[in-house]
Amino acid sequence: MYENIKIFGSDKVLKDLEKSENMLFACVLGNTAVSKIEGISGAGGSPEMTPYTPALDVELMLRNQALSLPEIAITESDEVPAPTPGLLTKTTYELLHIPFIPVSAGLEVEPKTSYISLNGQPGGDLREGKGVPNPEEIFENAKEAGQYLSQLTDHLMIGESTPAGTTTAQGVLTALGYDVEGKISGCMMHNPHELKKEVVDAALEKNNVKPGDLKDDPFKAVAIAGDPTIIAAAGMAIGSSVPVTLAGGTQMTAVLATIKAIEPDYDFSNIAIATTVYVANDETSDILDIVNQIGEIAVYAADPKMENSSHPGLASFAKGSVKEGVGAGGSVLYAYLKGITPEEYLAKLEELTAAVFG
């Protein structure tokens, strides 16, 4: 069962997830003006379309179609356009009928479906020294949401849909004092490390902050260099009374670092990151090094075997495009833990992709 899952650290949370009888998936949605910077993200197909990506992901999950635009979200890769990683989560959703709860942390474009709102605002342009306008309010509302959602489940999985979220993650981690330069992943085959560093450096300089200055002030770190998703996911995890799996890539390391800064005594034995092997094996980033700087926290990486896909966009995931998002890695992991084989999973994924793209 674990042959298509890489385990780094303790398998405690993995086994808890395997035993879960009513896992609940909450997808935190956020926007940041950073996504509109040319060359920093491939989400949405173009910088001006990135604000629509989270809404389109939710509409795909809940309505099987795009409502905010004519087509679902794509990622522009170096070879062919790749479909949203939300299709991987949609595959698990269809196969296992898991509850999917959208949570708006701060959106420029709201989905045309039901969702939970944390009364947040979209993140600003870090180059102007503007991250998140109301991080404390988002945190308190998210903590409350985590408390009541965890009463409905025995395991809370938290994913995210936030274009350019890797850059804001780098901003928060840098402000908190972690060594992450060149270690943060991205959704394109070419990882624009220099551009990300320029944006983060500008955010800190604009606020007269040096790396590590805000190690004891996570709310200010998010306020000047983060996005609403980071603080929302941290609040939900802290509020949860059940074990938590953070379904995502290097963005989730910023969530972990924020949790540690807010609650130094937080029990990290009950939380883990679940991602794809495309993030874990990414030579342009290093998720394990970042996690190890934060603490003894497990990372699990599922292999969707997308190199075997006949769909060029899906196959591009295995070449370094997209890699993760909308909780893809955690969703694949959960499907495998519940007995779905890689062959069954990929067949369903291709079926859904064909239904969406024709």
Protein backbone atom coordinates (compact mmCIF):
# COMPACT_ATOMS: atom_id res chain seq x y z
CA MET A 1 0.00 0.00 0.00
CA TYR A 2 2.89 2.34 0.74
CA GLU A 3 4.94 1.38 -2.32
CA ASN A 4 3.84 4.52 -4.20
CA ILE A 5 4.31 6.77 -1.16
CA LYS A 6 7.61 8.18 0.08
CA ILE A 7 7.75 8.65 3.85
CA PHE A 8 10.15 11.17 5.39
CA GLY A 9 10.02 11.07 9.18
CA SER A 10 7.35 9.48 11.37
CA ASP A 11 4.44 7.57 9.83
CA LYS A 12 2.15 8.50 12.76
CA VAL A 13 -0.05 10.95 10.84
CA LEU A 14 -0.03 8.69 7.78
CA LYS A 15 -1.44 5.80 9.80
CA ASP A 16 -4.01 8.08 11.37
CA LEU A 17 -5.10 9.17 7.91
CA GLU A 18 -5.22 5.55 6.78
CA LYS A 19 -7.57 4.71 9.67
CA SER A 20 -9.74 7.78 9.07
CA GLU A 21 -13.35 6.95 8.33
CA ASN A 22 -14.59 10.46 7.55
CA MET A 23 -11.67 12.61 6.45
CA LEU A 24 -12.71 16.18 5.59
CA PHE A 25 -10.88 18.19 2.93
CA ALA A 26 -10.82 21.97 3.36
CA CYS A 27 -9.31 23.98 0.53
CA VAL A 28 -8.11 27.44 1.56
CA LEU A 29 -8.39 29.98 -1.25
CA GLY A 30 -6.40 33.18 -1.55
CA ASN A 31 -5.15 35.80 -3.97
CA THR A 32 -2.07 37.97 -3.89
CA ALA A 33 -1.15 40.81 -6.24
CA VAL A 34 2.25 39.12 -6.53
CA SER A 35 0.69 36.69 -9.03
CA LYS A 36 0.29 39.56 -11.50
CA ILE A 37 4.06 40.07 -11.71
CA GLU A 38 5.20 38.91 -15.14
CA GLY A 39 7.17 35.65 -15.02
CA ILE A 40 6.57 34.76 -11.37
CA SER A 41 3.73 32.24 -11.84
CA GLY A 42 2.34 30.09 -14.63
CA ALA A 43 -1.05 29.74 -12.95
CA GLY A 44 -4.09 30.83 -14.92
CA GLY A 45 -2.25 30.98 -18.23
CA SER A 46 -1.31 34.68 -17.89
CA PRO A 47 -0.64 37.13 -15.02
CA GLU A 48 -3.92 39.01 -15.45
CA MET A 49 -5.92 35.77 -15.26
CA THR A 50 -4.37 34.49 -12.02
CA PRO A 51 -7.05 36.02 -9.73
CA TYR A 52 -9.60 33.67 -11.29
CA THR A 53 -7.67 30.47 -10.55
CA PRO A 54 -8.95 29.68 -7.02
CA ALA A 55 -12.57 30.36 -7.99
CA LEU A 56 -12.27 28.16 -11.07
CA ASP A 57 -10.74 25.36 -9.01
CA VAL A 58 -13.70 25.37 -6.63
CA GLU A 59 -16.21 25.56 -9.46
CA LEU A 60 -14.59 22.52 -11.06
CA MET A 61 -14.72 20.59 -7.80
CA LEU A 62 -18.33 21.38 -6.95
CA ARG A 63 -20.02 22.03 -10.32
CA ASN A 64 -17.86 20.12 -12.80
CA GLN A 65 -17.41 23.24 -14.91
CA ALA A 66 -16.05 26.76 -14.94
CA LEU A 67 -18.57 29.43 -13.98
CA SER A 68 -16.42 32.54 -13.58
CA LEU A 69 -14.77 32.10 -17.00
CA PRO A 70 -15.52 29.97 -20.09
CA GLU A 71 -12.77 27.43 -19.24
CA ILE A 72 -11.17 25.89 -16.15
CA ALA A 73 -7.79 27.04 -14.89
CA ILE A 74 -4.60 25.99 -16.67
CA THR A 75 -0.90 26.39 -15.98
CA GLU A 76 1.41 27.54 -18.74
CA SER A 77 4.43 25.24 -18.74
CA ASP A 78 7.53 25.21 -20.89
CA GLU A 79 6.00 22.70 -23.29
CA VAL A 80 2.20 22.41 -23.27
CA PRO A 81 -0.55 24.02 -21.16
CA ALA A 82 -1.25 21.80 -18.15
CA PRO A 83 -4.67 21.47 -16.53
CA THR A 84 -5.22 22.58 -12.96
CA PRO A 85 -3.88 20.21 -10.28
CA GLY A 86 -7.42 20.46 -8.95
CA LEU A 87 -8.22 17.62 -11.34
CA LEU A 88 -6.17 15.30 -9.13
CA THR A 89 -8.18 16.30 -6.08
CA LYS A 90 -11.36 16.02 -8.15
CA THR A 91 -10.37 12.44 -9.01
CA THR A 92 -10.18 11.45 -5.33
CA TYR A 93 -13.39 13.40 -4.68
CA GLU A 94 -15.17 11.35 -7.37
CA LEU A 95 -13.66 7.99 -6.39
CA LEU A 96 -14.18 8.26 -2.62
CA HIS A 97 -16.86 10.95 -2.23
CA ILE A 98 -14.87 12.93 0.35
CA PRO A 99 -16.35 16.14 1.76
CA PHE A 100 -14.83 19.19 0.05
CA ILE A 101 -15.14 22.53 1.86
CA PRO A 102 -13.91 25.72 0.11
CA VAL A 103 -12.62 28.37 2.53
CA SER A 104 -12.02 31.92 1.30
CA ALA A 105 -9.09 33.50 3.11
CA GLY A 106 -9.06 36.60 0.91
CA LEU A 107 -10.08 36.57 -2.74
CA GLU A 108 -10.17 39.07 -5.57
CA VAL A 109 -12.60 36.82 -7.47
CA GLU A 110 -15.06 34.83 -5.37
CA PRO A 111 -16.31 31.45 -6.69
CA LYS A 112 -19.89 31.25 -7.91
CA THR A 113 -20.56 28.42 -5.45
CA SER A 114 -21.03 28.05 -1.72
CA TYR A 115 -17.96 28.55 0.48
CA ILE A 116 -16.87 29.56 3.97
CA SER A 117 -15.59 33.13 4.26
CA LEU A 118 -12.97 34.17 6.81
CA ASN A 119 -13.62 37.83 6.07
CA GLY A 120 -10.13 38.25 4.64
CA GLN A 121 -8.80 40.53 1.94
CA PRO A 122 -6.52 39.66 -0.99
CA GLY A 123 -2.81 40.09 -0.45
CA GLY A 124 -1.05 43.11 -1.89
CA ASP A 125 2.08 43.61 -3.95
CA LEU A 126 5.06 42.75 -1.75
CA ARG A 127 7.25 45.16 -3.70
CA GLU A 128 5.14 47.93 -2.21
CA GLY A 129 5.57 46.47 1.26
CA LYS A 130 2.00 45.21 1.34
CA GLY A 131 1.22 41.61 2.25
CA VAL A 132 -2.00 40.91 4.15
CA PRO A 133 -4.12 43.81 5.48
CA ASN A 134 -5.84 41.92 8.35
CA PRO A 135 -3.83 38.82 9.35
CA GLU A 136 -5.02 38.73 12.98
CA GLU A 137 -8.68 38.78 11.97
CA ILE A 138 -8.15 36.04 9.38
CA PHE A 139 -6.28 33.95 11.95
CA GLU A 140 -9.01 34.20 14.60
CA ASN A 141 -11.74 33.38 12.09
CA ALA A 142 -9.70 30.50 10.67
CA LYS A 143 -8.99 29.13 14.15
CA GLU A 144 -12.73 29.17 14.81
CA ALA A 145 -13.37 27.42 11.48
CA GLY A 146 -10.79 24.77 12.36
CA GLN A 147 -12.51 24.19 15.68
CA TYR A 148 -15.94 23.54 14.22
CA LEU A 149 -14.80 21.67 11.09
CA SER A 150 -12.73 19.30 13.24
CA GLN A 151 -15.89 18.42 15.17
CA LEU A 152 -17.24 16.91 11.94
CA THR A 153 -14.29 14.66 11.15
CA ASP A 154 -11.56 12.45 12.59
CA HIS A 155 -8.88 13.92 10.30
CA LEU A 156 -8.66 17.37 8.75
CA MET A 157 -6.83 17.76 5.44
CA ILE A 158 -6.04 21.33 4.43
CA GLY A 159 -5.15 22.19 0.83
CA GLU A 160 -4.70 25.52 -0.91
CA SER A 161 -5.24 27.34 -4.18
CA THR A 162 -3.16 30.51 -4.26
CA PRO A 163 -1.34 31.63 -7.41
CA ALA A 164 2.20 32.88 -6.61
CA GLY A 165 1.89 31.40 -3.12
CA THR A 166 5.43 30.06 -3.26
CA THR A 167 6.80 33.62 -3.43
CA THR A 168 4.77 34.80 -0.45
CA ALA A 169 5.80 31.64 1.39
CA GLN A 170 9.41 32.59 0.77
CA GLY A 171 8.63 36.06 2.07
CA VAL A 172 7.19 34.81 5.36
CA LEU A 173 9.88 32.20 5.89
CA THR A 174 12.62 34.77 5.21
CA ALA A 175 11.08 37.29 7.58
CA LEU A 176 10.89 34.57 10.25
CA GLY A 177 14.57 33.78 9.81
CA TYR A 178 14.65 30.56 7.80
CA ASP A 179 17.25 29.83 5.13
CA VAL A 180 15.05 29.25 2.07
CA GLU A 181 16.78 31.05 -0.80
CA GLY A 182 16.73 28.73 -3.82
CA LYS A 183 14.75 26.11 -1.87
CA ILE A 184 11.15 27.12 -2.63
CA SER A 185 9.35 25.24 -5.39
CA GLY A 186 7.25 26.66 -8.22
CA CYS A 187 4.61 25.64 -10.75
CA MET A 188 6.82 26.08 -13.83
CA MET A 189 9.67 23.94 -15.12
CA HIS A 190 11.88 27.01 -14.83
CA ASN A 191 11.84 28.14 -11.21
CA PRO A 192 12.29 31.96 -11.15
CA HIS A 193 14.38 32.07 -7.97
CA GLU A 194 16.01 35.43 -8.76
CA LEU A 195 12.66 37.12 -9.37
CA LYS A 196 11.19 35.67 -6.17
CA LYS A 197 14.19 36.90 -4.19
CA GLU A 198 13.90 40.38 -5.70
CA VAL A 199 10.24 40.57 -4.66
CA VAL A 200 10.91 39.32 -1.12
CA ASP A 201 13.93 41.58 -0.69
CA ALA A 202 11.85 44.56 -1.77
CA ALA A 203 9.12 43.70 0.74
CA LEU A 204 11.56 43.54 3.65
CA GLU A 205 13.46 46.65 2.57
CA LYS A 206 10.26 48.65 2.20
CA ASN A 207 9.44 47.83 5.84
CA ASN A 208 13.00 48.24 7.17
CA VAL A 209 13.09 44.58 8.13
CA LYS A 210 16.03 42.21 7.83
CA PRO A 211 15.74 38.41 7.49
CA GLY A 212 14.88 36.96 10.89
CA ASP A 213 13.82 40.25 12.46
CA LEU A 214 10.23 39.02 12.76
CA LYS A 215 10.93 35.57 14.20
CA ASP A 216 8.70 36.46 17.16
CA ASP A 217 6.14 38.47 15.21
CA PRO A 218 4.47 36.13 12.67
CA PHE A 219 1.49 38.41 12.12
CA LYS A 220 3.75 41.23 10.97
CA ALA A 221 5.70 38.76 8.81
CA VAL A 222 2.47 37.83 7.05
CA ALA A 223 1.32 41.46 6.94
CA ILE A 224 4.38 42.61 5.01
CA ALA A 225 5.51 39.53 3.08
CA GLY A 226 2.75 36.91 3.02
CA ASP A 227 -0.65 36.05 1.57
CA PRO A 228 -3.99 35.36 3.32
CA THR A 229 -3.81 31.60 2.74
CA ILE A 230 -0.74 31.14 4.95
CA ILE A 231 -2.26 32.67 8.06
CA ALA A 232 -5.64 31.04 7.39
CA ALA A 233 -4.20 27.54 7.08
CA ALA A 234 -2.14 28.12 10.23
CA GLY A 235 -5.24 29.22 12.14
CA MET A 236 -7.29 26.24 10.98
CA ALA A 237 -4.54 23.82 11.96
CA ILE A 238 -4.14 25.39 15.41
CA GLY A 239 -7.90 25.34 15.92
CA SER A 240 -8.27 21.69 14.93
CA SER A 241 -8.90 19.12 17.65
CA VAL A 242 -8.02 16.23 15.31
CA PRO A 243 -4.82 15.37 13.41
CA VAL A 244 -4.05 17.56 10.40
CA THR A 245 -2.51 16.86 7.02
CA LEU A 246 -1.32 19.92 5.11
CA ALA A 247 -1.86 18.95 1.48
CA GLY A 248 0.59 21.02 -0.52
CA GLY A 249 4.20 21.73 -1.34
CA THR A 250 6.73 24.25 -0.06
CA GLN A 251 3.94 26.77 0.60
CA MET A 252 2.91 24.58 3.52
CA THR A 253 6.33 24.99 5.13
CA ALA A 254 5.42 28.66 5.64
CA VAL A 255 2.24 27.49 7.35
CA LEU A 256 4.28 25.28 9.68
CA ALA A 257 6.73 28.09 10.46
CA THR A 258 3.85 30.44 11.20
CA ILE A 259 2.24 27.89 13.51
CA LYS A 260 5.53 27.49 15.40
CA ALA A 261 5.93 31.25 15.77
CA ILE A 262 2.37 31.69 17.06
CA GLU A 263 2.33 28.62 19.29
CA PRO A 264 5.87 27.48 20.17
CA ASP A 265 4.47 24.52 22.15
CA TYR A 266 2.30 23.24 19.28
CA ASP A 267 2.33 19.41 19.03
CA PHE A 268 3.89 18.76 15.61
CA SER A 269 3.51 15.00 16.03
CA ASN A 270 -0.12 15.42 14.97
CA ILE A 271 0.55 17.32 11.75
CA ALA A 272 2.32 16.43 8.49
CA ILE A 273 2.75 17.65 4.94
CA ALA A 274 1.45 15.48 2.10
CA THR A 275 2.69 16.41 -1.35
CA THR A 276 3.56 14.84 -4.69
CA VAL A 277 6.85 13.22 -5.60
CA TYR A 278 7.21 16.01 -8.13
CA VAL A 279 7.78 18.43 -5.26
CA ALA A 280 9.81 16.00 -3.13
CA ASN A 281 12.11 15.19 -6.08
CA ASP A 282 12.27 18.74 -7.43
CA GLU A 283 15.91 19.64 -8.03
CA THR A 284 15.05 23.35 -8.03
CA SER A 285 13.76 23.30 -4.44
CA ASP A 286 14.27 21.49 -1.13
CA ILE A 287 11.12 20.98 0.92
CA LEU A 288 12.80 18.55 3.33
CA ASP A 289 15.56 20.99 4.27
CA ILE A 290 13.00 23.70 5.05
CA VAL A 291 10.85 21.35 7.13
CA ASN A 292 13.88 20.14 9.07
CA GLN A 293 14.72 23.74 9.96
CA ILE A 294 11.28 24.09 11.53
CA GLY A 295 11.15 20.85 13.52
CA GLU A 296 10.60 17.12 13.47
CA ILE A 297 7.66 17.08 11.09
CA ALA A 298 6.81 14.28 8.70
CA VAL A 299 6.52 14.72 4.94
CA TYR A 300 4.74 12.21 2.70
CA ALA A 301 5.04 12.23 -1.09
CA ALA A 302 2.61 10.33 -3.32
CA ASP A 303 3.44 9.29 -6.87
CA PRO A 304 0.51 9.78 -9.28
CA LYS A 305 2.47 8.06 -12.09
CA MET A 306 1.49 10.81 -14.51
CA GLU A 307 4.38 9.99 -16.82
CA ASN A 308 2.14 7.11 -17.93
CA SER A 309 -0.62 9.43 -19.07
CA SER A 310 -1.50 9.75 -22.75
CA HIS A 311 -2.64 13.34 -22.14
CA PRO A 312 0.30 15.71 -22.82
CA GLY A 313 -0.81 18.21 -20.18
CA LEU A 314 -1.04 15.56 -17.48
CA ALA A 315 2.24 13.96 -18.53
CA SER A 316 3.94 17.35 -18.17
CA PHE A 317 3.47 17.14 -14.37
CA ALA A 318 6.11 14.41 -14.29
CA LYS A 319 8.48 16.69 -16.24
CA GLY A 320 8.31 19.50 -13.68
CA SER A 321 5.21 21.44 -14.66
CA VAL A 322 2.65 22.40 -11.98
CA LYS A 323 3.81 19.70 -9.51
CA GLU A 324 1.22 20.46 -6.80
CA GLY A 325 -1.79 22.56 -5.85
CA VAL A 326 -5.39 22.34 -4.63
CA GLY A 327 -4.27 19.56 -2.29
CA ALA A 328 -3.24 17.26 -5.14
CA GLY A 329 -0.55 15.30 -3.27
CA GLY A 330 -2.69 14.75 -0.20
CA SER A 331 -5.62 13.68 -2.33
CA VAL A 332 -3.56 11.10 -4.23
CA LEU A 333 -2.10 9.89 -0.93
CA TYR A 334 -5.56 9.42 0.57
CA ALA A 335 -6.79 7.52 -2.49
CA TYR A 336 -3.86 5.12 -2.23
CA LEU A 337 -4.42 4.63 1.51
CA LYS A 338 -8.04 3.69 0.77
CA GLY A 339 -7.08 1.00 -1.73
CA ILE A 340 -7.23 2.84 -5.05
CA THR A 341 -4.41 1.60 -7.32
CA PRO A 342 -2.27 4.00 -9.38
CA GLU A 343 -3.78 2.48 -12.53
CA GLU A 344 -7.35 3.06 -11.32
CA TYR A 345 -6.48 6.55 -10.21
CA LEU A 346 -4.84 7.55 -13.50
CA ALA A 347 -7.71 6.08 -15.52
CA LYS A 348 -10.23 8.18 -13.60
CA LEU A 349 -8.01 11.26 -13.86
CA GLU A 350 -7.79 10.90 -17.63
CA GLU A 351 -11.54 10.37 -17.84
CA LEU A 352 -12.21 13.60 -15.95
CA THR A 353 -9.62 15.49 -17.96
CA ALA A 354 -11.20 14.34 -21.23
CA ALA A 355 -14.65 15.38 -19.97
CA VAL A 356 -13.37 18.87 -19.18
CA PHE A 357 -11.10 19.46 -22.17
CA GLY A 358 -12.87 17.31 -24.74
